[in-house]
Amino acid sequence: MIERSAVPGPEHLDRVFRALAHPARRDMLARLSTAPHSVGDLAAPYAMSLAAASKHVQTLEGAGLVQRTVEGRTHMCRLDPAPLAAVHEWIGPYERFWSDPSGSLAAMFRPSGNELTPDTGQVPWPTP
């Protein structure tokens, strides 16, 4: 028996990020976070065919973010949030860059005093 680790490998994380890279798929996930939807329901807000919506759902399925069941002719989708935990775990160490006011990202955007003045467009210090 092969025991798989609960922590997804880098290939799985790549599939999750690839799935999250498209705005339509992110929107589909947002809507699936409230309730299961059919592929037709997921396609409705977009100018896309059922086949195109199904391809997006397949990408989400491949990343483990969506589980699809077939009820007659209707394909129902529901969110599986487990892979998002792996994304959160991976991105967690970088959170300090946007949440800590003394972090280097915040410091990079702090005024240094060398900015152009808005009224004259001139540098506020004399040139030699």
N, C-alpha and C. Protein backbone atom coordinates (compact mmCIF):
# COMPACT_ATOMS: atom_id res chain seq x y z
N MET A 1 0.85 -1.19 0.00
CA MET A 1 0.00 0.00 0.00
C MET A 1 0.89 1.25 0.00
N ILE A 2 0.58 2.18 -0.88
CA ILE A 2 1.34 3.43 -0.97
C ILE A 2 0.63 4.48 -0.14
N GLU A 3 1.37 5.06 0.79
CA GLU A 3 0.79 6.12 1.62
C GLU A 3 1.23 7.46 1.06
N ARG A 4 0.28 8.30 0.77
CA ARG A 4 0.58 9.62 0.22
C ARG A 4 0.61 10.65 1.33
N SER A 5 1.50 11.58 1.19
CA SER A 5 1.62 12.66 2.16
C SER A 5 0.40 13.57 2.07
N ALA A 6 -0.02 14.12 3.20
CA ALA A 6 -1.14 15.06 3.21
C ALA A 6 -0.72 16.40 2.62
N VAL A 7 0.59 16.65 2.59
CA VAL A 7 1.09 17.91 2.04
C VAL A 7 1.35 17.73 0.55
N PRO A 8 0.66 18.51 -0.29
CA PRO A 8 0.85 18.36 -1.73
C PRO A 8 2.27 18.75 -2.15
N GLY A 9 2.76 18.08 -3.19
CA GLY A 9 4.09 18.38 -3.71
C GLY A 9 4.07 19.63 -4.57
N PRO A 10 5.24 20.04 -5.05
CA PRO A 10 5.32 21.27 -5.85
C PRO A 10 4.50 21.20 -7.14
N GLU A 11 4.37 20.01 -7.74
CA GLU A 11 3.58 19.90 -8.97
C GLU A 11 2.11 20.22 -8.69
N HIS A 12 1.62 19.75 -7.55
CA HIS A 12 0.22 20.02 -7.21
C HIS A 12 0.02 21.51 -6.95
N LEU A 13 0.95 22.12 -6.26
CA LEU A 13 0.86 23.55 -5.99
C LEU A 13 0.88 24.33 -7.30
N ASP A 14 1.68 23.88 -8.26
CA ASP A 14 1.70 24.52 -9.58
C ASP A 14 0.33 24.43 -10.25
N ARG A 15 -0.32 23.27 -10.15
CA ARG A 15 -1.66 23.11 -10.75
C ARG A 15 -2.67 24.04 -10.09
N VAL A 16 -2.56 24.20 -8.77
CA VAL A 16 -3.49 25.08 -8.06
C VAL A 16 -3.28 26.53 -8.51
N PHE A 17 -2.03 26.97 -8.55
CA PHE A 17 -1.77 28.35 -8.99
C PHE A 17 -2.20 28.55 -10.44
N ARG A 18 -1.98 27.55 -11.29
CA ARG A 18 -2.41 27.65 -12.69
C ARG A 18 -3.94 27.78 -12.76
N ALA A 19 -4.63 27.01 -11.93
CA ALA A 19 -6.10 27.08 -11.92
C ALA A 19 -6.58 28.44 -11.42
N LEU A 20 -5.87 29.02 -10.46
CA LEU A 20 -6.27 30.32 -9.91
C LEU A 20 -5.87 31.48 -10.81
N ALA A 21 -5.10 31.22 -11.84
CA ALA A 21 -4.57 32.30 -12.69
C ALA A 21 -5.62 32.94 -13.59
N HIS A 22 -6.74 32.28 -13.83
CA HIS A 22 -7.75 32.82 -14.74
C HIS A 22 -8.89 33.45 -13.95
N PRO A 23 -9.29 34.68 -14.29
CA PRO A 23 -10.35 35.36 -13.52
C PRO A 23 -11.68 34.62 -13.54
N ALA A 24 -12.02 33.96 -14.63
CA ALA A 24 -13.30 33.22 -14.67
C ALA A 24 -13.26 32.06 -13.69
N ARG A 25 -12.13 31.38 -13.60
CA ARG A 25 -12.03 30.26 -12.65
C ARG A 25 -12.05 30.76 -11.21
N ARG A 26 -11.42 31.89 -10.94
CA ARG A 26 -11.49 32.45 -9.58
C ARG A 26 -12.92 32.81 -9.23
N ASP A 27 -13.65 33.37 -10.19
CA ASP A 27 -15.05 33.71 -9.95
C ASP A 27 -15.88 32.45 -9.73
N MET A 28 -15.61 31.41 -10.52
CA MET A 28 -16.33 30.15 -10.33
C MET A 28 -16.11 29.62 -8.92
N LEU A 29 -14.87 29.67 -8.45
CA LEU A 29 -14.58 29.22 -7.08
C LEU A 29 -15.32 30.06 -6.05
N ALA A 30 -15.36 31.36 -6.28
CA ALA A 30 -16.07 32.25 -5.33
C ALA A 30 -17.54 31.87 -5.27
N ARG A 31 -18.14 31.59 -6.43
CA ARG A 31 -19.56 31.22 -6.43
C ARG A 31 -19.77 29.83 -5.83
N LEU A 32 -18.82 28.93 -6.06
CA LEU A 32 -18.93 27.59 -5.48
C LEU A 32 -18.71 27.61 -3.97
N SER A 33 -18.11 28.66 -3.45
CA SER A 33 -17.90 28.74 -2.00
C SER A 33 -19.21 28.95 -1.25
N THR A 34 -20.25 29.39 -1.96
CA THR A 34 -21.54 29.60 -1.30
C THR A 34 -22.48 28.42 -1.46
N ALA A 35 -22.36 27.68 -2.57
CA ALA A 35 -23.25 26.54 -2.83
C ALA A 35 -22.77 25.79 -4.07
N PRO A 36 -23.12 24.51 -4.19
CA PRO A 36 -22.81 23.79 -5.43
C PRO A 36 -23.57 24.40 -6.60
N HIS A 37 -22.98 24.31 -7.79
CA HIS A 37 -23.61 24.83 -9.01
C HIS A 37 -23.39 23.85 -10.15
N SER A 38 -24.28 23.90 -11.12
CA SER A 38 -24.08 23.11 -12.33
C SER A 38 -23.07 23.84 -13.22
N VAL A 39 -22.49 23.11 -14.17
CA VAL A 39 -21.56 23.73 -15.11
C VAL A 39 -22.29 24.83 -15.88
N GLY A 40 -23.55 24.60 -16.23
CA GLY A 40 -24.34 25.63 -16.92
C GLY A 40 -24.50 26.89 -16.09
N ASP A 41 -24.74 26.72 -14.79
CA ASP A 41 -24.84 27.89 -13.90
C ASP A 41 -23.52 28.64 -13.84
N LEU A 42 -22.41 27.90 -13.82
CA LEU A 42 -21.10 28.53 -13.75
C LEU A 42 -20.78 29.28 -15.04
N ALA A 43 -21.30 28.79 -16.17
CA ALA A 43 -21.04 29.43 -17.47
C ALA A 43 -21.92 30.65 -17.69
N ALA A 44 -23.07 30.72 -17.02
CA ALA A 44 -24.09 31.73 -17.31
C ALA A 44 -23.59 33.18 -17.31
N PRO A 45 -22.76 33.62 -16.37
CA PRO A 45 -22.36 35.04 -16.38
C PRO A 45 -21.38 35.41 -17.49
N TYR A 46 -20.90 34.43 -18.21
CA TYR A 46 -19.86 34.69 -19.22
C TYR A 46 -20.38 34.41 -20.62
N ALA A 47 -19.74 35.01 -21.58
CA ALA A 47 -20.05 34.72 -22.99
C ALA A 47 -19.19 33.52 -23.39
N MET A 48 -19.49 32.37 -22.77
CA MET A 48 -18.72 31.16 -23.09
C MET A 48 -19.68 29.99 -23.24
N SER A 49 -19.27 29.05 -24.04
CA SER A 49 -20.08 27.86 -24.26
C SER A 49 -19.99 26.94 -23.05
N LEU A 50 -20.89 25.95 -23.02
CA LEU A 50 -20.80 24.95 -21.96
C LEU A 50 -19.49 24.18 -22.06
N ALA A 51 -19.03 23.95 -23.29
CA ALA A 51 -17.76 23.24 -23.48
C ALA A 51 -16.60 24.04 -22.88
N ALA A 52 -16.59 25.35 -23.09
CA ALA A 52 -15.53 26.19 -22.53
C ALA A 52 -15.60 26.20 -21.01
N ALA A 53 -16.82 26.32 -20.47
CA ALA A 53 -16.98 26.30 -19.01
C ALA A 53 -16.53 24.95 -18.45
N SER A 54 -16.85 23.88 -19.17
CA SER A 54 -16.45 22.55 -18.73
C SER A 54 -14.93 22.42 -18.71
N LYS A 55 -14.25 23.03 -19.66
CA LYS A 55 -12.78 22.99 -19.67
C LYS A 55 -12.21 23.73 -18.46
N HIS A 56 -12.84 24.86 -18.10
CA HIS A 56 -12.40 25.58 -16.90
C HIS A 56 -12.62 24.71 -15.66
N VAL A 57 -13.78 24.05 -15.61
CA VAL A 57 -14.06 23.17 -14.47
C VAL A 57 -13.06 22.02 -14.43
N GLN A 58 -12.68 21.49 -15.59
CA GLN A 58 -11.68 20.42 -15.63
C GLN A 58 -10.34 20.89 -15.06
N THR A 59 -9.97 22.12 -15.36
CA THR A 59 -8.73 22.68 -14.80
C THR A 59 -8.83 22.76 -13.29
N LEU A 60 -9.99 23.22 -12.79
CA LEU A 60 -10.20 23.30 -11.35
C LEU A 60 -10.20 21.91 -10.72
N GLU A 61 -10.80 20.94 -11.42
CA GLU A 61 -10.79 19.55 -10.94
C GLU A 61 -9.37 19.01 -10.88
N GLY A 62 -8.58 19.28 -11.91
CA GLY A 62 -7.21 18.80 -11.96
C GLY A 62 -6.36 19.33 -10.82
N ALA A 63 -6.72 20.50 -10.33
CA ALA A 63 -6.02 21.09 -9.18
C ALA A 63 -6.60 20.62 -7.86
N GLY A 64 -7.70 19.85 -7.93
CA GLY A 64 -8.33 19.35 -6.71
C GLY A 64 -9.24 20.36 -6.04
N LEU A 65 -9.51 21.49 -6.71
CA LEU A 65 -10.32 22.55 -6.12
C LEU A 65 -11.82 22.32 -6.27
N VAL A 66 -12.20 21.48 -7.22
CA VAL A 66 -13.62 21.23 -7.51
C VAL A 66 -13.84 19.74 -7.64
N GLN A 67 -14.96 19.29 -7.13
CA GLN A 67 -15.41 17.91 -7.34
C GLN A 67 -16.70 17.97 -8.13
N ARG A 68 -16.78 17.15 -9.18
CA ARG A 68 -17.94 17.15 -10.06
C ARG A 68 -18.68 15.83 -9.89
N THR A 69 -19.99 15.92 -9.79
CA THR A 69 -20.84 14.73 -9.79
C THR A 69 -21.84 14.87 -10.92
N VAL A 70 -22.28 13.75 -11.46
CA VAL A 70 -23.24 13.77 -12.56
C VAL A 70 -24.58 13.29 -12.02
N GLU A 71 -25.59 14.14 -12.19
CA GLU A 71 -26.96 13.82 -11.79
C GLU A 71 -27.81 13.86 -13.05
N GLY A 72 -28.00 12.70 -13.67
CA GLY A 72 -28.70 12.66 -14.95
C GLY A 72 -27.82 13.30 -16.01
N ARG A 73 -28.32 14.36 -16.63
CA ARG A 73 -27.53 15.08 -17.64
C ARG A 73 -26.84 16.31 -17.05
N THR A 74 -27.06 16.56 -15.78
CA THR A 74 -26.51 17.75 -15.13
C THR A 74 -25.22 17.41 -14.39
N HIS A 75 -24.19 18.19 -14.68
CA HIS A 75 -22.91 18.04 -13.98
C HIS A 75 -22.88 19.08 -12.86
N MET A 76 -22.92 18.60 -11.62
CA MET A 76 -22.89 19.49 -10.46
C MET A 76 -21.46 19.59 -9.93
N CYS A 77 -21.08 20.80 -9.54
CA CYS A 77 -19.73 21.06 -9.04
C CYS A 77 -19.83 21.60 -7.62
N ARG A 78 -18.87 21.18 -6.81
CA ARG A 78 -18.77 21.74 -5.46
C ARG A 78 -17.31 22.02 -5.15
N LEU A 79 -17.10 23.01 -4.33
CA LEU A 79 -15.75 23.44 -3.95
C LEU A 79 -15.12 22.44 -3.00
N ASP A 80 -13.86 22.13 -3.22
CA ASP A 80 -13.05 21.39 -2.26
C ASP A 80 -11.92 22.34 -1.85
N PRO A 81 -12.02 22.98 -0.69
CA PRO A 81 -11.06 24.03 -0.33
C PRO A 81 -9.71 23.51 0.15
N ALA A 82 -9.53 22.21 0.30
CA ALA A 82 -8.28 21.67 0.85
C ALA A 82 -7.02 22.18 0.13
N PRO A 83 -6.98 22.22 -1.21
CA PRO A 83 -5.76 22.72 -1.85
C PRO A 83 -5.45 24.19 -1.54
N LEU A 84 -6.47 24.95 -1.17
CA LEU A 84 -6.23 26.36 -0.82
C LEU A 84 -5.42 26.46 0.47
N ALA A 85 -5.54 25.46 1.34
CA ALA A 85 -4.74 25.44 2.56
C ALA A 85 -3.26 25.32 2.22
N ALA A 86 -2.95 24.53 1.19
CA ALA A 86 -1.55 24.40 0.77
C ALA A 86 -1.02 25.72 0.21
N VAL A 87 -1.87 26.45 -0.52
CA VAL A 87 -1.48 27.76 -1.04
C VAL A 87 -1.23 28.71 0.13
N HIS A 88 -2.13 28.68 1.10
CA HIS A 88 -1.98 29.54 2.28
C HIS A 88 -0.69 29.21 3.02
N GLU A 89 -0.41 27.93 3.16
CA GLU A 89 0.82 27.52 3.85
C GLU A 89 2.05 27.98 3.09
N TRP A 90 2.00 27.88 1.76
CA TRP A 90 3.15 28.28 0.95
C TRP A 90 3.37 29.79 1.00
N ILE A 91 2.29 30.55 0.94
CA ILE A 91 2.41 32.01 0.86
C ILE A 91 2.57 32.65 2.24
N GLY A 92 2.28 31.91 3.30
CA GLY A 92 2.35 32.43 4.66
C GLY A 92 3.64 33.15 5.02
N PRO A 93 4.81 32.59 4.72
CA PRO A 93 6.05 33.27 5.09
C PRO A 93 6.22 34.64 4.43
N TYR A 94 5.52 34.88 3.34
CA TYR A 94 5.65 36.16 2.64
C TYR A 94 4.67 37.22 3.16
N GLU A 95 3.75 36.81 4.03
CA GLU A 95 2.74 37.73 4.55
C GLU A 95 3.36 38.93 5.24
N ARG A 96 4.51 38.74 5.83
CA ARG A 96 5.16 39.85 6.55
C ARG A 96 5.44 41.03 5.64
N PHE A 97 5.57 40.79 4.34
CA PHE A 97 5.88 41.87 3.42
C PHE A 97 4.72 42.83 3.21
N TRP A 98 3.48 42.37 3.43
CA TRP A 98 2.36 43.29 3.24
C TRP A 98 1.60 43.58 4.53
N SER A 99 1.88 42.84 5.61
CA SER A 99 1.13 43.09 6.84
C SER A 99 1.94 43.81 7.90
N ASP A 100 3.26 43.75 7.86
CA ASP A 100 4.11 44.39 8.85
C ASP A 100 4.51 45.77 8.34
N PRO A 101 4.07 46.84 9.04
CA PRO A 101 4.40 48.18 8.55
C PRO A 101 5.90 48.45 8.50
N SER A 102 6.69 47.72 9.27
CA SER A 102 8.13 47.93 9.21
C SER A 102 8.80 46.97 8.22
N GLY A 103 7.99 46.15 7.54
CA GLY A 103 8.53 45.20 6.56
C GLY A 103 9.14 45.92 5.37
N SER A 104 9.96 45.22 4.64
CA SER A 104 10.71 45.86 3.56
C SER A 104 9.82 46.36 2.43
N LEU A 105 8.68 45.72 2.16
CA LEU A 105 7.80 46.21 1.10
C LEU A 105 7.21 47.56 1.48
N ALA A 106 6.78 47.70 2.73
CA ALA A 106 6.23 48.98 3.19
C ALA A 106 7.32 50.06 3.16
N ALA A 107 8.52 49.70 3.58
CA ALA A 107 9.62 50.67 3.59
C ALA A 107 9.97 51.13 2.19
N MET A 108 9.81 50.26 1.23
CA MET A 108 10.14 50.60 -0.15
C MET A 108 9.22 51.71 -0.68
N PHE A 109 8.00 51.79 -0.18
CA PHE A 109 7.06 52.78 -0.67
C PHE A 109 6.92 54.00 0.25
N ARG A 110 7.69 54.04 1.34
CA ARG A 110 7.67 55.20 2.23
C ARG A 110 8.32 56.39 1.54
N PRO A 111 7.78 57.59 1.70
CA PRO A 111 8.41 58.77 1.10
C PRO A 111 9.83 58.94 1.62
N SER A 112 10.74 59.25 0.73
CA SER A 112 12.14 59.41 1.13
C SER A 112 12.54 60.87 1.21
N GLY A 113 11.70 61.78 0.71
CA GLY A 113 12.05 63.19 0.68
C GLY A 113 12.68 63.59 -0.64
N ASN A 114 12.94 62.62 -1.50
CA ASN A 114 13.56 62.92 -2.79
C ASN A 114 12.55 62.92 -3.93
N GLU A 115 11.27 63.01 -3.59
CA GLU A 115 10.24 62.97 -4.61
C GLU A 115 10.10 64.32 -5.30
N LEU A 116 9.56 64.31 -6.48
CA LEU A 116 9.25 65.57 -7.17
C LEU A 116 8.13 66.26 -6.43
N THR A 117 8.19 67.57 -6.36
CA THR A 117 7.11 68.30 -5.71
C THR A 117 5.94 68.37 -6.68
N PRO A 118 4.70 68.17 -6.20
CA PRO A 118 3.56 68.12 -7.10
C PRO A 118 3.27 69.46 -7.78
N ASP A 119 3.58 70.58 -7.13
CA ASP A 119 3.21 71.87 -7.71
C ASP A 119 4.18 72.34 -8.80
N THR A 120 5.47 72.06 -8.67
CA THR A 120 6.44 72.55 -9.65
C THR A 120 7.03 71.46 -10.52
N GLY A 121 6.94 70.21 -10.07
CA GLY A 121 7.57 69.13 -10.81
C GLY A 121 9.07 69.13 -10.65
N GLN A 122 9.58 69.94 -9.72
CA GLN A 122 11.02 70.04 -9.50
C GLN A 122 11.43 69.19 -8.30
N VAL A 123 12.66 68.74 -8.32
CA VAL A 123 13.22 68.04 -7.19
C VAL A 123 13.37 69.05 -6.06
N PRO A 124 12.95 68.71 -4.80
CA PRO A 124 12.93 69.70 -3.72
C PRO A 124 14.29 69.99 -3.11
N TRP A 125 15.38 69.71 -3.75
CA TRP A 125 16.69 70.06 -3.24
C TRP A 125 17.50 70.71 -4.36
N PRO A 126 18.44 71.53 -4.00
CA PRO A 126 19.22 72.22 -5.03
C PRO A 126 20.15 71.26 -5.75
N THR A 127 20.37 71.51 -7.02
CA THR A 127 21.33 70.71 -7.78
C THR A 127 22.68 71.41 -7.72
N PRO A 128 23.78 70.67 -7.70
CA PRO A 128 25.10 71.30 -7.59
C PRO A 128 25.49 72.04 -8.84
